[in-house]
Amino acid sequence: MILNLIVSIVLQFSSLFVDDQPVFKGGQRSLTTFIYSRLIYPEYSKDNCLQGTIQVSFKLNQQGKIFHSEVVRGYGLDLDAEALRVVRLTTGRWIMPANHDSTVSMILPVNFSLKNYKCEERTKDEINAAINAYQAREGLSKVVFNYYDQKFKGIANPAEEARIEAIKMQLGFDDKFIQSLLRQAQQKLKQEDRQGACEDFITIRRLGSDKSAKFIEQYCN
């Protein structure tokens, strides 16, 4: 199956009175290429043909580094986190005007679109069901994470573990899933995204696995 990802980048400003604007090094085309080359289409959204535009707001200091960023319009899906991650990777790659106002927010819309993936066969009801399932899945995931956070601290109730393991099985949090998270984290390390990689490594630990322990010790402490 061929995955064709379209990323549309158009820089917007929260103020209409911005004369000298920050410019990504290399210009608009370089910005689009930078985002496109680093974006990892999230597995759940890819498997369920979830697409759309995520609006990420951020501010830059005088050195061109991002000091505040957030999703201002998203879907509550894994697409949101990935859009935020790749926008944060642009930090330090901006040419700043001398009179830059660091209180002005900029917005990057990141468009996720799947082609040649049979998404045209999915009905609107199926798409909505996938979105609802993701949100329900997030609630169950938190139950698992909370248990293993407590276990890591030595305060979990062992009697609960069988129920947690059943939830993990229901959600597909098996060895295959953990291995895919490891590969994703290592890919982020190659992009010099230590924060994103550590989030994945810690998620693995929060699933009750020790397969990321050495990576957490090396990169995340």
N, C-alpha and C. Protein backbone atom coordinates (compact mmCIF):
# COMPACT_ATOMS: atom_id res chain seq x y z
N MET A 1 0.84 -1.19 0.00
CA MET A 1 0.00 0.00 0.00
C MET A 1 0.88 1.25 0.00
N ILE A 2 0.60 2.15 -0.91
CA ILE A 2 1.42 3.36 -1.02
C ILE A 2 0.78 4.48 -0.20
N LEU A 3 1.61 5.12 0.60
CA LEU A 3 1.15 6.24 1.41
C LEU A 3 1.64 7.52 0.77
N ASN A 4 0.73 8.39 0.43
CA ASN A 4 1.09 9.69 -0.13
C ASN A 4 0.60 10.75 0.83
N LEU A 5 1.52 11.45 1.45
CA LEU A 5 1.20 12.44 2.48
C LEU A 5 1.33 13.84 1.91
N ILE A 6 0.30 14.64 2.06
CA ILE A 6 0.34 16.03 1.61
C ILE A 6 0.37 16.92 2.83
N VAL A 7 1.35 17.79 2.90
CA VAL A 7 1.46 18.72 4.01
C VAL A 7 1.39 20.13 3.45
N SER A 8 0.41 20.87 3.85
CA SER A 8 0.24 22.24 3.38
C SER A 8 0.64 23.20 4.48
N ILE A 9 1.60 24.07 4.19
CA ILE A 9 2.12 25.00 5.18
C ILE A 9 1.93 26.44 4.70
N VAL A 10 1.17 27.21 5.42
CA VAL A 10 1.02 28.62 5.13
C VAL A 10 1.12 29.37 6.45
N LEU A 11 2.17 30.16 6.60
CA LEU A 11 2.41 30.86 7.86
C LEU A 11 1.43 32.01 8.02
N GLN A 12 0.80 32.08 9.18
CA GLN A 12 -0.14 33.14 9.49
C GLN A 12 0.28 33.83 10.78
N PHE A 13 -0.15 35.08 10.94
CA PHE A 13 0.18 35.84 12.14
C PHE A 13 -1.11 36.24 12.85
N SER A 14 -1.02 36.33 14.18
CA SER A 14 -2.20 36.67 14.96
C SER A 14 -2.49 38.16 14.92
N SER A 15 -1.58 38.94 14.41
CA SER A 15 -1.78 40.38 14.33
C SER A 15 -1.70 40.83 12.88
N LEU A 16 -2.53 41.78 12.50
CA LEU A 16 -2.50 42.32 11.15
C LEU A 16 -1.45 43.41 11.00
N PHE A 17 -0.82 43.78 12.10
CA PHE A 17 0.10 44.91 12.09
C PHE A 17 1.54 44.43 12.29
N VAL A 18 1.91 43.42 11.52
CA VAL A 18 3.27 42.91 11.59
C VAL A 18 3.96 43.24 10.28
N ASP A 19 4.91 44.17 10.33
CA ASP A 19 5.60 44.60 9.13
C ASP A 19 6.73 43.64 8.77
N ASP A 20 7.71 43.55 9.64
CA ASP A 20 8.84 42.65 9.44
C ASP A 20 8.53 41.34 10.13
N GLN A 21 8.39 40.30 9.34
CA GLN A 21 7.98 39.01 9.89
C GLN A 21 9.15 38.04 9.95
N PRO A 22 9.15 37.14 10.94
CA PRO A 22 10.15 36.07 10.94
C PRO A 22 10.03 35.25 9.66
N VAL A 23 11.15 34.81 9.16
CA VAL A 23 11.19 34.01 7.93
C VAL A 23 11.96 32.73 8.20
N PHE A 24 11.39 31.61 7.79
CA PHE A 24 12.11 30.35 7.94
C PHE A 24 13.32 30.36 7.02
N LYS A 25 14.44 29.86 7.53
CA LYS A 25 15.68 29.86 6.74
C LYS A 25 15.49 29.06 5.45
N GLY A 26 15.66 29.73 4.33
CA GLY A 26 15.45 29.08 3.04
C GLY A 26 14.12 29.41 2.42
N GLY A 27 13.23 30.04 3.21
CA GLY A 27 11.95 30.47 2.67
C GLY A 27 10.82 29.46 2.82
N GLN A 28 9.70 29.80 2.20
CA GLN A 28 8.47 29.02 2.34
C GLN A 28 8.63 27.58 1.86
N ARG A 29 9.30 27.41 0.74
CA ARG A 29 9.47 26.06 0.20
C ARG A 29 10.30 25.21 1.15
N SER A 30 11.34 25.81 1.72
CA SER A 30 12.17 25.06 2.67
C SER A 30 11.38 24.68 3.91
N LEU A 31 10.49 25.56 4.36
CA LEU A 31 9.65 25.26 5.52
C LEU A 31 8.76 24.06 5.24
N THR A 32 8.11 24.07 4.07
CA THR A 32 7.24 22.96 3.70
C THR A 32 8.03 21.66 3.61
N THR A 33 9.21 21.72 2.99
CA THR A 33 10.05 20.53 2.86
C THR A 33 10.51 20.03 4.22
N PHE A 34 10.87 20.96 5.10
CA PHE A 34 11.31 20.59 6.45
C PHE A 34 10.22 19.83 7.18
N ILE A 35 9.01 20.38 7.18
CA ILE A 35 7.89 19.73 7.87
C ILE A 35 7.59 18.38 7.23
N TYR A 36 7.50 18.35 5.92
CA TYR A 36 7.13 17.14 5.20
C TYR A 36 8.12 16.01 5.47
N SER A 37 9.41 16.33 5.46
CA SER A 37 10.44 15.30 5.58
C SER A 37 10.53 14.70 6.97
N ARG A 38 9.97 15.39 7.96
CA ARG A 38 10.07 14.91 9.34
C ARG A 38 8.77 14.36 9.90
N LEU A 39 7.68 14.63 9.21
CA LEU A 39 6.39 14.23 9.73
C LEU A 39 6.19 12.72 9.65
N ILE A 40 5.76 12.13 10.74
CA ILE A 40 5.46 10.70 10.81
C ILE A 40 3.94 10.56 10.96
N TYR A 41 3.27 10.07 9.91
CA TYR A 41 1.81 9.99 9.96
C TYR A 41 1.42 9.01 11.07
N PRO A 42 0.67 9.46 12.07
CA PRO A 42 0.34 8.59 13.21
C PRO A 42 -0.43 7.33 12.78
N GLU A 43 -0.09 6.23 13.41
CA GLU A 43 -0.61 4.93 12.99
C GLU A 43 -2.13 4.84 13.06
N TYR A 44 -2.72 5.31 14.16
CA TYR A 44 -4.16 5.15 14.29
C TYR A 44 -4.89 5.92 13.19
N SER A 45 -4.49 7.17 12.99
CA SER A 45 -5.15 7.99 11.97
C SER A 45 -4.89 7.44 10.58
N LYS A 46 -3.69 6.93 10.33
CA LYS A 46 -3.38 6.35 9.03
C LYS A 46 -4.23 5.11 8.78
N ASP A 47 -4.35 4.25 9.78
CA ASP A 47 -5.11 3.01 9.62
C ASP A 47 -6.60 3.26 9.45
N ASN A 48 -7.07 4.40 9.97
CA ASN A 48 -8.51 4.70 9.95
C ASN A 48 -8.88 5.86 9.03
N CYS A 49 -7.93 6.25 8.18
CA CYS A 49 -8.18 7.31 7.19
C CYS A 49 -8.64 8.61 7.83
N LEU A 50 -8.04 8.95 8.96
CA LEU A 50 -8.37 10.22 9.61
C LEU A 50 -7.43 11.29 9.07
N GLN A 51 -8.03 12.36 8.55
CA GLN A 51 -7.28 13.40 7.86
C GLN A 51 -7.80 14.77 8.28
N GLY A 52 -7.06 15.79 7.96
CA GLY A 52 -7.52 17.14 8.25
C GLY A 52 -6.37 18.10 8.52
N THR A 53 -6.72 19.34 8.81
CA THR A 53 -5.74 20.38 9.05
C THR A 53 -5.67 20.71 10.53
N ILE A 54 -4.47 20.70 11.07
CA ILE A 54 -4.23 21.02 12.47
C ILE A 54 -3.57 22.39 12.53
N GLN A 55 -4.13 23.30 13.33
CA GLN A 55 -3.58 24.65 13.48
C GLN A 55 -2.70 24.69 14.73
N VAL A 56 -1.42 24.97 14.53
CA VAL A 56 -0.46 25.05 15.63
C VAL A 56 0.00 26.50 15.79
N SER A 57 -0.20 27.03 16.99
CA SER A 57 0.23 28.39 17.31
C SER A 57 1.55 28.34 18.07
N PHE A 58 2.44 29.30 17.77
CA PHE A 58 3.70 29.35 18.50
C PHE A 58 4.26 30.78 18.52
N LYS A 59 5.12 31.01 19.49
CA LYS A 59 5.81 32.29 19.60
C LYS A 59 7.31 32.07 19.51
N LEU A 60 8.00 33.07 19.00
CA LEU A 60 9.45 32.99 18.84
C LEU A 60 10.14 34.09 19.64
N ASN A 61 11.27 33.72 20.25
CA ASN A 61 12.06 34.77 20.91
C ASN A 61 13.00 35.42 19.87
N GLN A 62 13.84 36.32 20.32
CA GLN A 62 14.67 37.07 19.39
C GLN A 62 15.72 36.19 18.72
N GLN A 63 16.00 35.02 19.29
CA GLN A 63 16.96 34.09 18.70
C GLN A 63 16.29 33.09 17.74
N GLY A 64 14.99 33.25 17.53
CA GLY A 64 14.29 32.37 16.62
C GLY A 64 13.92 31.03 17.21
N LYS A 65 13.90 30.95 18.54
CA LYS A 65 13.55 29.71 19.20
C LYS A 65 12.12 29.76 19.73
N ILE A 66 11.42 28.66 19.58
CA ILE A 66 10.03 28.58 20.04
C ILE A 66 10.01 28.48 21.56
N PHE A 67 9.24 29.36 22.21
CA PHE A 67 9.14 29.29 23.67
C PHE A 67 7.71 29.03 24.13
N HIS A 68 6.77 29.03 23.23
CA HIS A 68 5.39 28.66 23.59
C HIS A 68 4.72 28.12 22.34
N SER A 69 4.12 26.95 22.44
CA SER A 69 3.43 26.36 21.29
C SER A 69 2.26 25.52 21.78
N GLU A 70 1.21 25.49 20.97
CA GLU A 70 0.03 24.71 21.33
C GLU A 70 -0.84 24.49 20.10
N VAL A 71 -1.64 23.45 20.15
CA VAL A 71 -2.64 23.22 19.10
C VAL A 71 -3.84 24.10 19.41
N VAL A 72 -4.18 24.97 18.48
CA VAL A 72 -5.33 25.86 18.70
C VAL A 72 -6.57 25.37 17.97
N ARG A 73 -6.38 24.49 17.00
CA ARG A 73 -7.54 23.86 16.36
C ARG A 73 -7.11 22.48 15.88
N GLY A 74 -7.71 21.47 16.48
CA GLY A 74 -7.36 20.10 16.12
C GLY A 74 -8.57 19.21 16.23
N TYR A 75 -8.32 17.92 16.30
CA TYR A 75 -9.40 16.93 16.31
C TYR A 75 -9.40 16.06 17.57
N GLY A 76 -8.48 16.33 18.48
CA GLY A 76 -8.36 15.47 19.65
C GLY A 76 -7.84 14.11 19.30
N LEU A 77 -7.01 14.04 18.23
CA LEU A 77 -6.48 12.78 17.74
C LEU A 77 -4.96 12.80 17.80
N ASP A 78 -4.36 11.68 17.40
CA ASP A 78 -2.90 11.62 17.35
C ASP A 78 -2.31 12.58 16.32
N LEU A 79 -3.13 13.05 15.38
CA LEU A 79 -2.67 14.04 14.41
C LEU A 79 -2.24 15.32 15.11
N ASP A 80 -2.96 15.70 16.16
CA ASP A 80 -2.65 16.93 16.89
C ASP A 80 -1.23 16.91 17.44
N ALA A 81 -0.90 15.82 18.12
CA ALA A 81 0.41 15.71 18.75
C ALA A 81 1.53 15.71 17.72
N GLU A 82 1.31 15.06 16.59
CA GLU A 82 2.36 15.01 15.57
C GLU A 82 2.55 16.37 14.90
N ALA A 83 1.47 17.09 14.64
CA ALA A 83 1.60 18.43 14.08
C ALA A 83 2.37 19.34 15.03
N LEU A 84 2.05 19.26 16.32
CA LEU A 84 2.75 20.07 17.32
C LEU A 84 4.23 19.70 17.37
N ARG A 85 4.51 18.42 17.30
CA ARG A 85 5.90 17.96 17.38
C ARG A 85 6.75 18.51 16.24
N VAL A 86 6.25 18.40 15.01
CA VAL A 86 7.08 18.82 13.87
C VAL A 86 7.22 20.34 13.81
N VAL A 87 6.20 21.07 14.27
CA VAL A 87 6.34 22.53 14.31
C VAL A 87 7.40 22.92 15.33
N ARG A 88 7.44 22.24 16.46
CA ARG A 88 8.46 22.52 17.47
C ARG A 88 9.87 22.27 16.96
N LEU A 89 10.00 21.35 15.99
CA LEU A 89 11.31 21.06 15.43
C LEU A 89 11.88 22.23 14.63
N THR A 90 11.05 23.21 14.28
CA THR A 90 11.55 24.37 13.53
C THR A 90 12.29 25.36 14.42
N THR A 91 12.28 25.13 15.71
CA THR A 91 12.92 26.08 16.63
C THR A 91 14.38 26.31 16.27
N GLY A 92 14.78 27.57 16.31
CA GLY A 92 16.16 27.94 15.99
C GLY A 92 16.44 28.06 14.52
N ARG A 93 15.43 27.84 13.68
CA ARG A 93 15.63 27.87 12.22
C ARG A 93 14.94 29.08 11.58
N TRP A 94 14.69 30.08 12.39
CA TRP A 94 13.99 31.27 11.89
C TRP A 94 14.94 32.47 11.85
N ILE A 95 14.79 33.26 10.80
CA ILE A 95 15.51 34.53 10.68
C ILE A 95 14.61 35.61 11.28
N MET A 96 15.11 36.27 12.30
CA MET A 96 14.28 37.18 13.06
C MET A 96 14.56 38.64 12.70
N PRO A 97 13.51 39.44 12.49
CA PRO A 97 13.70 40.89 12.28
C PRO A 97 14.13 41.55 13.58
N ALA A 98 14.85 42.65 13.46
CA ALA A 98 15.37 43.33 14.65
C ALA A 98 14.25 43.81 15.57
N ASN A 99 13.10 44.16 14.98
CA ASN A 99 12.00 44.71 15.77
C ASN A 99 10.93 43.66 16.09
N HIS A 100 11.32 42.40 16.11
CA HIS A 100 10.35 41.33 16.34
C HIS A 100 9.66 41.48 17.69
N ASP A 101 8.33 41.34 17.66
CA ASP A 101 7.51 41.38 18.87
C ASP A 101 7.24 39.95 19.32
N SER A 102 7.86 39.53 20.41
CA SER A 102 7.74 38.15 20.85
C SER A 102 6.36 37.81 21.42
N THR A 103 5.49 38.81 21.56
CA THR A 103 4.13 38.53 22.04
C THR A 103 3.21 38.10 20.90
N VAL A 104 3.67 38.27 19.68
CA VAL A 104 2.85 37.93 18.51
C VAL A 104 2.94 36.43 18.25
N SER A 105 1.79 35.80 18.13
CA SER A 105 1.75 34.37 17.83
C SER A 105 1.69 34.14 16.33
N MET A 106 2.37 33.11 15.89
CA MET A 106 2.30 32.67 14.50
C MET A 106 1.57 31.34 14.46
N ILE A 107 0.93 31.07 13.33
CA ILE A 107 0.16 29.84 13.21
C ILE A 107 0.60 29.10 11.95
N LEU A 108 0.91 27.82 12.13
CA LEU A 108 1.19 26.94 11.00
C LEU A 108 0.07 25.92 10.87
N PRO A 109 -0.68 25.97 9.78
CA PRO A 109 -1.65 24.90 9.53
C PRO A 109 -0.94 23.72 8.87
N VAL A 110 -1.02 22.57 9.49
CA VAL A 110 -0.41 21.36 8.92
C VAL A 110 -1.53 20.45 8.44
N ASN A 111 -1.55 20.22 7.12
CA ASN A 111 -2.63 19.43 6.53
C ASN A 111 -2.19 17.99 6.33
N PHE A 112 -2.93 17.07 6.94
CA PHE A 112 -2.68 15.64 6.78
C PHE A 112 -3.67 15.08 5.76
N SER A 113 -3.15 14.48 4.70
CA SER A 113 -4.03 13.93 3.67
C SER A 113 -3.45 12.63 3.15
N LEU A 114 -4.27 11.60 3.07
CA LEU A 114 -3.84 10.28 2.58
C LEU A 114 -4.40 10.05 1.18
N LYS A 115 -3.52 9.65 0.28
CA LYS A 115 -3.92 9.31 -1.09
C LYS A 115 -3.51 7.88 -1.38
N ASN A 116 -4.25 7.23 -2.29
CA ASN A 116 -3.95 5.85 -2.68
C ASN A 116 -3.96 4.91 -1.48
N TYR A 117 -4.86 5.20 -0.54
CA TYR A 117 -4.94 4.39 0.67
C TYR A 117 -6.36 3.87 0.89
N LYS A 118 -7.15 3.92 -0.18
CA LYS A 118 -8.54 3.45 -0.18
C LYS A 118 -9.41 4.20 0.83
N CYS A 119 -9.02 5.44 1.14
CA CYS A 119 -9.82 6.21 2.10
C CYS A 119 -11.15 6.63 1.50
N GLU A 120 -11.24 6.68 0.19
CA GLU A 120 -12.50 7.06 -0.45
C GLU A 120 -13.58 6.02 -0.20
N GLU A 121 -13.18 4.83 0.25
CA GLU A 121 -14.16 3.78 0.53
C GLU A 121 -14.76 3.91 1.92
N ARG A 122 -14.17 4.77 2.75
CA ARG A 122 -14.67 4.95 4.12
C ARG A 122 -15.86 5.92 4.11
N THR A 123 -16.93 5.55 4.79
CA THR A 123 -18.08 6.43 4.88
C THR A 123 -17.87 7.44 6.01
N LYS A 124 -18.68 8.48 6.00
CA LYS A 124 -18.61 9.49 7.06
C LYS A 124 -18.89 8.86 8.42
N ASP A 125 -19.85 7.94 8.46
CA ASP A 125 -20.18 7.27 9.73
C ASP A 125 -19.00 6.45 10.23
N GLU A 126 -18.28 5.81 9.33
CA GLU A 126 -17.11 5.02 9.73
C GLU A 126 -16.01 5.92 10.27
N ILE A 127 -15.83 7.08 9.63
CA ILE A 127 -14.82 8.04 10.10
C ILE A 127 -15.19 8.54 11.50
N ASN A 128 -16.45 8.91 11.69
CA ASN A 128 -16.89 9.40 13.00
C ASN A 128 -16.76 8.31 14.07
N ALA A 129 -17.05 7.07 13.69
CA ALA A 129 -16.91 5.96 14.64
C ALA A 129 -15.45 5.78 15.04
N ALA A 130 -14.53 5.96 14.09
CA ALA A 130 -13.10 5.84 14.39
C ALA A 130 -12.64 6.94 15.33
N ILE A 131 -13.16 8.15 15.13
CA ILE A 131 -12.82 9.27 16.01
C ILE A 131 -13.34 9.00 17.42
N ASN A 132 -14.58 8.54 17.53
CA ASN A 132 -15.15 8.24 18.85
C ASN A 132 -14.40 7.09 19.53
N ALA A 133 -13.99 6.11 18.73
CA ALA A 133 -13.24 4.98 19.28
C ALA A 133 -11.89 5.44 19.80
N TYR A 134 -11.27 6.37 19.10
CA TYR A 134 -9.96 6.88 19.55
C TYR A 134 -10.11 7.58 20.90
N GLN A 135 -11.15 8.40 21.02
CA GLN A 135 -11.35 9.13 22.27
C GLN A 135 -11.67 8.19 23.43
N ALA A 136 -12.44 7.15 23.16
CA ALA A 136 -12.71 6.14 24.19
C ALA A 136 -11.43 5.39 24.55
N ARG A 137 -10.63 5.12 23.54
CA ARG A 137 -9.35 4.43 23.72
C ARG A 137 -8.42 5.25 24.61
N GLU A 138 -8.45 6.58 24.45
CA GLU A 138 -7.60 7.44 25.26
C GLU A 138 -7.94 7.31 26.73
N GLY A 139 -9.23 7.20 27.04
CA GLY A 139 -9.65 7.04 28.43
C GLY A 139 -9.13 5.75 29.03
N LEU A 140 -9.22 4.65 28.28
CA LEU A 140 -8.70 3.37 28.77
C LEU A 140 -7.17 3.39 28.87
N SER A 141 -6.54 4.09 27.93
CA SER A 141 -5.07 4.18 27.97
C SER A 141 -4.61 4.84 29.26
N LYS A 142 -5.33 5.86 29.69
CA LYS A 142 -4.96 6.55 30.93
C LYS A 142 -5.04 5.63 32.13
N VAL A 143 -6.01 4.70 32.11
CA VAL A 143 -6.12 3.73 33.20
C VAL A 143 -4.86 2.87 33.25
N VAL A 144 -4.40 2.44 32.09
CA VAL A 144 -3.18 1.62 32.02
C VAL A 144 -1.98 2.43 32.47
N PHE A 145 -1.85 3.65 31.93
CA PHE A 145 -0.70 4.50 32.28
C PHE A 145 -0.65 4.77 33.78
N ASN A 146 -1.80 5.08 34.36
CA ASN A 146 -1.84 5.40 35.79
C ASN A 146 -1.39 4.21 36.64
N TYR A 147 -1.81 3.01 36.23
CA TYR A 147 -1.42 1.82 37.00
C TYR A 147 0.10 1.63 36.97
N TYR A 148 0.67 1.70 35.78
CA TYR A 148 2.11 1.44 35.69
C TYR A 148 2.95 2.60 36.21
N ASP A 149 2.39 3.81 36.23
CA ASP A 149 3.06 4.92 36.93
C ASP A 149 3.17 4.59 38.42
N GLN A 150 2.06 4.06 38.96
CA GLN A 150 2.07 3.68 40.38
C GLN A 150 3.00 2.50 40.63
N LYS A 151 3.02 1.56 39.70
CA LYS A 151 3.89 0.40 39.86
C LYS A 151 5.36 0.83 39.83
N PHE A 152 5.69 1.78 38.96
CA PHE A 152 7.06 2.28 38.87
C PHE A 152 7.48 2.94 40.19
N LYS A 153 6.51 3.56 40.86
CA LYS A 153 6.78 4.20 42.15
C LYS A 153 6.70 3.21 43.32
N GLY A 154 6.26 1.98 43.03
CA GLY A 154 6.17 0.98 44.07
C GLY A 154 4.92 1.05 44.91
N ILE A 155 3.85 1.68 44.39
CA ILE A 155 2.64 1.85 45.19
C ILE A 155 1.40 1.24 44.52
N ALA A 156 1.60 0.45 43.45
CA ALA A 156 0.45 -0.14 42.75
C ALA A 156 -0.11 -1.31 43.54
N ASN A 157 -1.37 -1.60 43.31
CA ASN A 157 -2.04 -2.76 43.92
C ASN A 157 -1.88 -3.95 42.98
N PRO A 158 -1.09 -4.95 43.34
CA PRO A 158 -0.87 -6.11 42.45
C PRO A 158 -2.15 -6.81 42.04
N ALA A 159 -3.17 -6.73 42.86
CA ALA A 159 -4.42 -7.39 42.53
C ALA A 159 -5.10 -6.78 41.30
N GLU A 160 -4.69 -5.57 40.94
CA GLU A 160 -5.29 -4.87 39.80
C GLU A 160 -4.64 -5.25 38.47
N GLU A 161 -3.47 -5.89 38.53
CA GLU A 161 -2.69 -6.07 37.31
C GLU A 161 -3.38 -6.94 36.27
N ALA A 162 -4.11 -7.96 36.70
CA ALA A 162 -4.80 -8.83 35.75
C ALA A 162 -5.82 -8.03 34.94
N ARG A 163 -6.54 -7.12 35.62
CA ARG A 163 -7.51 -6.27 34.91
C ARG A 163 -6.80 -5.34 33.94
N ILE A 164 -5.66 -4.80 34.35
CA ILE A 164 -4.90 -3.89 33.49
C ILE A 164 -4.37 -4.63 32.27
N GLU A 165 -3.90 -5.86 32.47
CA GLU A 165 -3.41 -6.65 31.35
C GLU A 165 -4.54 -6.94 30.36
N ALA A 166 -5.74 -7.14 30.87
CA ALA A 166 -6.88 -7.38 29.99
C ALA A 166 -7.20 -6.14 29.16
N ILE A 167 -7.08 -4.96 29.77
CA ILE A 167 -7.31 -3.71 29.04
C ILE A 167 -6.23 -3.53 27.97
N LYS A 168 -4.99 -3.85 28.32
CA LYS A 168 -3.90 -3.76 27.34
C LYS A 168 -4.18 -4.66 26.13
N MET A 169 -4.65 -5.86 26.39
CA MET A 169 -4.96 -6.78 25.30
C MET A 169 -6.09 -6.22 24.43
N GLN A 170 -7.09 -5.63 25.09
CA GLN A 170 -8.21 -5.03 24.37
C GLN A 170 -7.74 -3.90 23.46
N LEU A 171 -6.77 -3.12 23.92
CA LEU A 171 -6.29 -1.96 23.18
C LEU A 171 -5.19 -2.31 22.18
N GLY A 172 -4.72 -3.54 22.21
CA GLY A 172 -3.66 -3.93 21.29
C GLY A 172 -2.28 -3.47 21.72
N PHE A 173 -2.10 -3.25 23.02
CA PHE A 173 -0.80 -2.83 23.55
C PHE A 173 0.07 -4.07 23.79
N ASP A 174 0.46 -4.71 22.70
CA ASP A 174 1.24 -5.94 22.79
C ASP A 174 2.69 -5.67 22.40
N ASP A 175 3.48 -6.74 22.27
CA ASP A 175 4.89 -6.59 21.92
C ASP A 175 5.07 -5.92 20.56
N LYS A 176 4.20 -6.24 19.61
CA LYS A 176 4.29 -5.63 18.28
C LYS A 176 4.10 -4.12 18.37
N PHE A 177 3.13 -3.70 19.18
CA PHE A 177 2.87 -2.27 19.35
C PHE A 177 4.07 -1.59 20.00
N ILE A 178 4.64 -2.22 21.01
CA ILE A 178 5.79 -1.64 21.72
C ILE A 178 6.99 -1.53 20.78
N GLN A 179 7.20 -2.54 19.94
CA GLN A 179 8.30 -2.49 18.99
C GLN A 179 8.11 -1.35 17.99
N SER A 180 6.86 -1.12 17.58
CA SER A 180 6.60 -0.01 16.65
C SER A 180 6.87 1.34 17.31
N LEU A 181 6.55 1.44 18.61
CA LEU A 181 6.86 2.67 19.35
C LEU A 181 8.36 2.87 19.47
N LEU A 182 9.10 1.79 19.70
CA LEU A 182 10.55 1.88 19.77
C LEU A 182 11.13 2.38 18.45
N ARG A 183 10.66 1.82 17.34
CA ARG A 183 11.15 2.26 16.02
C ARG A 183 10.82 3.72 15.77
N GLN A 184 9.61 4.12 16.17
CA GLN A 184 9.21 5.52 16.00
C GLN A 184 10.09 6.44 16.82
N ALA A 185 10.37 6.06 18.05
CA ALA A 185 11.22 6.88 18.92
C ALA A 185 12.62 7.01 18.35
N GLN A 186 13.15 5.92 17.81
CA GLN A 186 14.49 5.97 17.23
C GLN A 186 14.52 6.82 15.97
N GLN A 187 13.42 6.82 15.24
CA GLN A 187 13.32 7.70 14.07
C GLN A 187 13.34 9.16 14.49
N LYS A 188 12.67 9.47 15.59
CA LYS A 188 12.65 10.84 16.11
C LYS A 188 14.04 11.26 16.60
N LEU A 189 14.78 10.31 17.18
CA LEU A 189 16.15 10.62 17.59
C LEU A 189 16.99 11.01 16.39
N LYS A 190 16.80 10.34 15.26
CA LYS A 190 17.54 10.67 14.06
C LYS A 190 17.19 12.07 13.56
N GLN A 191 15.98 12.52 13.90
CA GLN A 191 15.57 13.88 13.54
C GLN A 191 16.02 14.91 14.59
N GLU A 192 16.78 14.44 15.57
CA GLU A 192 17.25 15.26 16.68
C GLU A 192 16.09 15.78 17.53
N ASP A 193 15.01 14.99 17.56
CA ASP A 193 13.85 15.32 18.38
C ASP A 193 13.89 14.47 19.65
N ARG A 194 14.75 14.86 20.57
CA ARG A 194 14.92 14.07 21.80
C ARG A 194 13.64 14.10 22.64
N GLN A 195 12.96 15.25 22.69
CA GLN A 195 11.74 15.35 23.48
C GLN A 195 10.69 14.37 22.98
N GLY A 196 10.47 14.35 21.67
CA GLY A 196 9.47 13.44 21.10
C GLY A 196 9.84 11.99 21.32
N ALA A 197 11.14 11.68 21.16
CA ALA A 197 11.59 10.31 21.37
C ALA A 197 11.38 9.89 22.81
N CYS A 198 11.71 10.78 23.74
CA CYS A 198 11.56 10.45 25.16
C CYS A 198 10.10 10.25 25.54
N GLU A 199 9.22 11.00 24.91
CA GLU A 199 7.79 10.79 25.18
C GLU A 199 7.38 9.37 24.79
N ASP A 200 7.91 8.88 23.66
CA ASP A 200 7.61 7.51 23.24
C ASP A 200 8.26 6.49 24.17
N PHE A 201 9.52 6.73 24.53
CA PHE A 201 10.21 5.80 25.44
C PHE A 201 9.47 5.69 26.78
N ILE A 202 9.02 6.83 27.28
CA ILE A 202 8.32 6.83 28.57
C ILE A 202 6.94 6.18 28.44
N THR A 203 6.30 6.36 27.28
CA THR A 203 5.03 5.67 27.05
C THR A 203 5.21 4.16 27.12
N ILE A 204 6.31 3.68 26.58
CA ILE A 204 6.60 2.24 26.63
C ILE A 204 6.71 1.79 28.08
N ARG A 205 7.41 2.57 28.89
CA ARG A 205 7.51 2.23 30.32
C ARG A 205 6.14 2.28 30.97
N ARG A 206 5.31 3.22 30.56
CA ARG A 206 3.97 3.35 31.14
C ARG A 206 3.02 2.25 30.68
N LEU A 207 3.50 1.41 29.76
CA LEU A 207 2.74 0.23 29.34
C LEU A 207 3.24 -1.03 30.05
N GLY A 208 4.13 -0.83 31.02
CA GLY A 208 4.60 -1.95 31.81
C GLY A 208 5.77 -2.70 31.20
N SER A 209 6.40 -2.12 30.17
CA SER A 209 7.53 -2.78 29.53
C SER A 209 8.85 -2.14 29.95
N ASP A 210 9.90 -2.96 30.02
CA ASP A 210 11.23 -2.42 30.34
C ASP A 210 12.11 -2.29 29.10
N LYS A 211 11.51 -2.41 27.91
CA LYS A 211 12.29 -2.40 26.68
C LYS A 211 12.87 -1.02 26.33
N SER A 212 12.37 0.01 26.97
CA SER A 212 12.92 1.35 26.71
C SER A 212 13.79 1.85 27.85
N ALA A 213 14.03 1.01 28.85
CA ALA A 213 14.73 1.47 30.05
C ALA A 213 16.10 2.05 29.73
N LYS A 214 16.86 1.35 28.89
CA LYS A 214 18.22 1.83 28.59
C LYS A 214 18.19 3.14 27.80
N PHE A 215 17.14 3.31 26.98
CA PHE A 215 17.03 4.54 26.20
C PHE A 215 16.64 5.71 27.11
N ILE A 216 15.76 5.45 28.07
CA ILE A 216 15.37 6.49 29.02
C ILE A 216 16.59 6.94 29.82
N GLU A 217 17.39 5.96 30.26
CA GLU A 217 18.59 6.28 31.02
C GLU A 217 19.58 7.09 30.19
N GLN A 218 19.68 6.78 28.91
CA GLN A 218 20.65 7.45 28.04
C GLN A 218 20.21 8.81 27.58
N TYR A 219 18.92 8.96 27.26
CA TYR A 219 18.47 10.17 26.59
C TYR A 219 17.51 11.05 27.41
N CYS A 220 16.89 10.50 28.44
CA CYS A 220 15.75 11.20 29.03
C CYS A 220 15.94 11.61 30.48
N ASN A 221 17.10 11.42 31.05
CA ASN A 221 17.33 11.80 32.44
C ASN A 221 18.13 13.09 32.53
